[in-house]
């Protein structure tokens, strides 16, 4: 007799992966320096996609996040509350790109 084929399906791997501990320490220091509250959301699901870890950044005394950040196999993804999602090759690069946006919103940029 032939055994029936199993209809097992492999679980879909998460879109977002967890960050390295060293990257989390860098991001925490950056968020504290810029007076942002960083929240680590574990096993986050959004729009049918699963993320092992998403970092959410909130301005002081606000419940509305300013950015979300996650890691994929290939890059670091930053999604602002308003605007387009951006992809970076490193956590440091993503934070460097966010600094002008934070300073501009606070009115701290200098016109040359």
C-alpha atoms as a PDB file:
ATOM      1  CA  UNK A   1       0.000   0.000   0.000  1.00  0.00           C
ATOM      2  CA  UNK A   2       1.122   3.517  -0.707  1.00  0.00           C
ATOM      3  CA  UNK A   3       1.058   5.933   2.174  1.00  0.00           C
ATOM      4  CA  UNK A   4      -0.864   9.126   1.475  1.00  0.00           C
ATOM      5  CA  UNK A   5       1.293  12.179   0.931  1.00  0.00           C
ATOM      6  CA  UNK A   6       1.308  14.541   3.816  1.00  0.00           C
ATOM      7  CA  UNK A   7      -0.128  17.968   3.247  1.00  0.00           C
ATOM      8  CA  UNK A   8       2.395  19.539   5.586  1.00  0.00           C
ATOM      9  CA  UNK A   9       3.404  23.026   4.686  1.00  0.00           C
ATOM     10  CA  UNK A  10       6.530  24.610   5.998  1.00  0.00           C
ATOM     11  CA  UNK A  11       5.967  27.755   8.003  1.00  0.00           C
ATOM     12  CA  UNK A  12       6.751  30.937   6.139  1.00  0.00           C
ATOM     13  CA  UNK A  13       9.924  32.526   7.513  1.00  0.00           C
ATOM     14  CA  UNK A  14       9.478  35.957   9.082  1.00  0.00           C
ATOM     15  CA  UNK A  15      10.024  39.035   6.951  1.00  0.00           C
ATOM     16  CA  UNK A  16      11.785  40.843   9.768  1.00  0.00           C
ATOM     17  CA  UNK A  17      14.588  39.266  11.772  1.00  0.00           C
ATOM     18  CA  UNK A  18      15.956  40.107  15.195  1.00  0.00           C
ATOM     19  CA  UNK A  19      18.756  42.644  15.549  1.00  0.00           C
ATOM     20  CA  UNK A  20      22.243  41.932  16.824  1.00  0.00           C
ATOM     21  CA  UNK A  21      22.646  42.943  20.471  1.00  0.00           C
ATOM     22  CA  UNK A  22      25.368  45.444  19.521  1.00  0.00           C
ATOM     23  CA  UNK A  23      22.960  47.117  17.071  1.00  0.00           C
ATOM     24  CA  UNK A  24      20.262  47.331  19.743  1.00  0.00           C
ATOM     25  CA  UNK A  25      22.687  49.070  22.096  1.00  0.00           C
ATOM     26  CA  UNK A  26      23.624  51.581  19.380  1.00  0.00           C
ATOM     27  CA  UNK A  27      19.966  52.269  18.561  1.00  0.00           C
ATOM     28  CA  UNK A  28      19.051  52.657  22.235  1.00  0.00           C
ATOM     29  CA  UNK A  29      21.840  55.197  22.749  1.00  0.00           C
ATOM     30  CA  UNK A  30      20.798  57.077  19.603  1.00  0.00           C
ATOM     31  CA  UNK A  31      17.146  57.183  20.641  1.00  0.00           C
ATOM     32  CA  UNK A  32      18.009  58.432  24.143  1.00  0.00           C
ATOM     33  CA  UNK A  33      20.282  61.127  22.693  1.00  0.00           C
ATOM     34  CA  UNK A  34      17.452  62.329  20.434  1.00  0.00           C
ATOM     35  CA  UNK A  35      14.899  62.182  23.258  1.00  0.00           C
ATOM     36  CA  UNK A  36      12.916  59.361  21.661  1.00  0.00           C
ATOM     37  CA  UNK A  37      11.408  56.369  23.411  1.00  0.00           C
ATOM     38  CA  UNK A  38      12.422  53.105  21.750  1.00  0.00           C
ATOM     39  CA  UNK A  39      10.105  50.126  22.123  1.00  0.00           C
ATOM     40  CA  UNK A  40      11.129  46.622  21.041  1.00  0.00           C
ATOM     41  CA  UNK A  41       8.118  44.745  19.696  1.00  0.00           C
ATOM     42  CA  UNK A  42       8.713  40.996  19.611  1.00  0.00           C
ATOM     43  CA  UNK A  43       6.800  38.631  17.312  1.00  0.00           C
ATOM     44  CA  UNK A  44       5.100  41.559  15.594  1.00  0.00           C
ATOM     45  CA  UNK A  45       2.538  40.865  12.853  1.00  0.00           C
ATOM     46  CA  UNK A  46       1.336  43.455  10.373  1.00  0.00           C
ATOM     47  CA  UNK A  47      -0.539  43.070   7.072  1.00  0.00           C
ATOM     48  CA  UNK A  48      -0.125  39.290   7.196  1.00  0.00           C
ATOM     49  CA  UNK A  49       3.673  39.519   7.585  1.00  0.00           C
ATOM     50  CA  UNK A  50       5.556  38.317  10.640  1.00  0.00           C
ATOM     51  CA  UNK A  51       8.520  40.111  12.184  1.00  0.00           C
ATOM     52  CA  UNK A  52      10.703  38.638  14.928  1.00  0.00           C
ATOM     53  CA  UNK A  53      11.550  42.110  16.149  1.00  0.00           C
ATOM     54  CA  UNK A  54      10.436  45.631  15.249  1.00  0.00           C
ATOM     55  CA  UNK A  55      11.861  48.760  16.846  1.00  0.00           C
ATOM     56  CA  UNK A  56       9.340  51.568  17.295  1.00  0.00           C
ATOM     57  CA  UNK A  57      10.378  55.153  18.075  1.00  0.00           C
ATOM     58  CA  UNK A  58       8.069  57.564  19.868  1.00  0.00           C
ATOM     59  CA  UNK A  59       8.504  61.286  20.615  1.00  0.00           C
ATOM     60  CA  UNK A  60       8.278  62.229  24.293  1.00  0.00           C
ATOM     61  CA  UNK A  61       4.782  62.052  25.777  1.00  0.00           C
ATOM     62  CA  UNK A  62       3.271  60.710  22.542  1.00  0.00           C
ATOM     63  CA  UNK A  63       1.483  57.489  21.711  1.00  0.00           C
ATOM     64  CA  UNK A  64       2.080  57.935  17.969  1.00  0.00           C
ATOM     65  CA  UNK A  65       5.239  56.371  16.638  1.00  0.00           C
ATOM     66  CA  UNK A  66       7.561  58.383  14.466  1.00  0.00           C
ATOM     67  CA  UNK A  67       9.458  55.481  12.861  1.00  0.00           C
ATOM     68  CA  UNK A  68       9.470  51.696  12.758  1.00  0.00           C
ATOM     69  CA  UNK A  69      12.677  49.800  12.018  1.00  0.00           C
ATOM     70  CA  UNK A  70      13.304  46.139  11.262  1.00  0.00           C
ATOM     71  CA  UNK A  71      16.030  43.948   9.840  1.00  0.00           C
ATOM     72  CA  UNK A  72      15.763  41.620   6.855  1.00  0.00           C
ATOM     73  CA  UNK A  73      18.309  39.165   5.460  1.00  0.00           C
ATOM     74  CA  UNK A  74      19.641  41.923   3.236  1.00  0.00           C
ATOM     75  CA  UNK A  75      19.088  45.310   4.847  1.00  0.00           C
ATOM     76  CA  UNK A  76      17.696  47.556   7.552  1.00  0.00           C
ATOM     77  CA  UNK A  77      14.238  48.940   6.783  1.00  0.00           C
ATOM     78  CA  UNK A  78      12.923  52.196   8.242  1.00  0.00           C
ATOM     79  CA  UNK A  79       9.286  53.135   7.834  1.00  0.00           C
ATOM     80  CA  UNK A  80       8.237  56.615   8.945  1.00  0.00           C
ATOM     81  CA  UNK A  81       4.703  57.270  10.087  1.00  0.00           C
ATOM     82  CA  UNK A  82       4.319  59.519   7.049  1.00  0.00           C
ATOM     83  CA  UNK A  83       6.422  58.976   3.975  1.00  0.00           C
ATOM     84  CA  UNK A  84       8.155  56.203   2.107  1.00  0.00           C
ATOM     85  CA  UNK A  85       9.927  53.193   3.499  1.00  0.00           C
ATOM     86  CA  UNK A  86      13.710  53.387   3.138  1.00  0.00           C
ATOM     87  CA  UNK A  87      16.295  50.598   2.978  1.00  0.00           C
ATOM     88  CA  UNK A  88      19.827  50.800   4.398  1.00  0.00           C
ATOM     89  CA  UNK A  89      22.842  48.504   4.482  1.00  0.00           C
ATOM     90  CA  UNK A  90      23.524  49.051   8.196  1.00  0.00           C
ATOM     91  CA  UNK A  91      21.921  50.254  11.407  1.00  0.00           C
ATOM     92  CA  UNK A  92      24.489  53.057  11.658  1.00  0.00           C
ATOM     93  CA  UNK A  93      23.629  54.228   8.134  1.00  0.00           C
ATOM     94  CA  UNK A  94      19.926  54.246   8.880  1.00  0.00           C
ATOM     95  CA  UNK A  95      20.413  56.275  12.049  1.00  0.00           C
ATOM     96  CA  UNK A  96      22.684  58.742  10.247  1.00  0.00           C
ATOM     97  CA  UNK A  97      19.967  59.324   7.664  1.00  0.00           C
ATOM     98  CA  UNK A  98      17.336  59.879  10.367  1.00  0.00           C
ATOM     99  CA  UNK A  99      19.298  62.514  12.286  1.00  0.00           C
ATOM    100  CA  UNK A 100      18.694  65.338   9.760  1.00  0.00           C
ATOM    101  CA  UNK A 101      14.984  64.482   9.704  1.00  0.00           C
ATOM    102  CA  UNK A 102      14.825  64.701  13.504  1.00  0.00           C
ATOM    103  CA  UNK A 103      16.779  67.982  13.589  1.00  0.00           C
ATOM    104  CA  UNK A 104      14.731  69.504  10.779  1.00  0.00           C
ATOM    105  CA  UNK A 105      11.477  68.669  12.542  1.00  0.00           C
ATOM    106  CA  UNK A 106      12.800  70.345  15.677  1.00  0.00           C
ATOM    107  CA  UNK A 107      13.875  73.437  13.707  1.00  0.00           C
ATOM    108  CA  UNK A 108      17.584  72.839  14.374  1.00  0.00           C
ATOM    109  CA  UNK A 109      18.951  72.896  10.815  1.00  0.00           C
ATOM    110  CA  UNK A 110      21.176  75.769   9.715  1.00  0.00           C
ATOM    111  CA  UNK A 111      20.769  77.364   6.315  1.00  0.00           C
ATOM    112  CA  UNK A 112      24.150  78.029   4.705  1.00  0.00           C
END
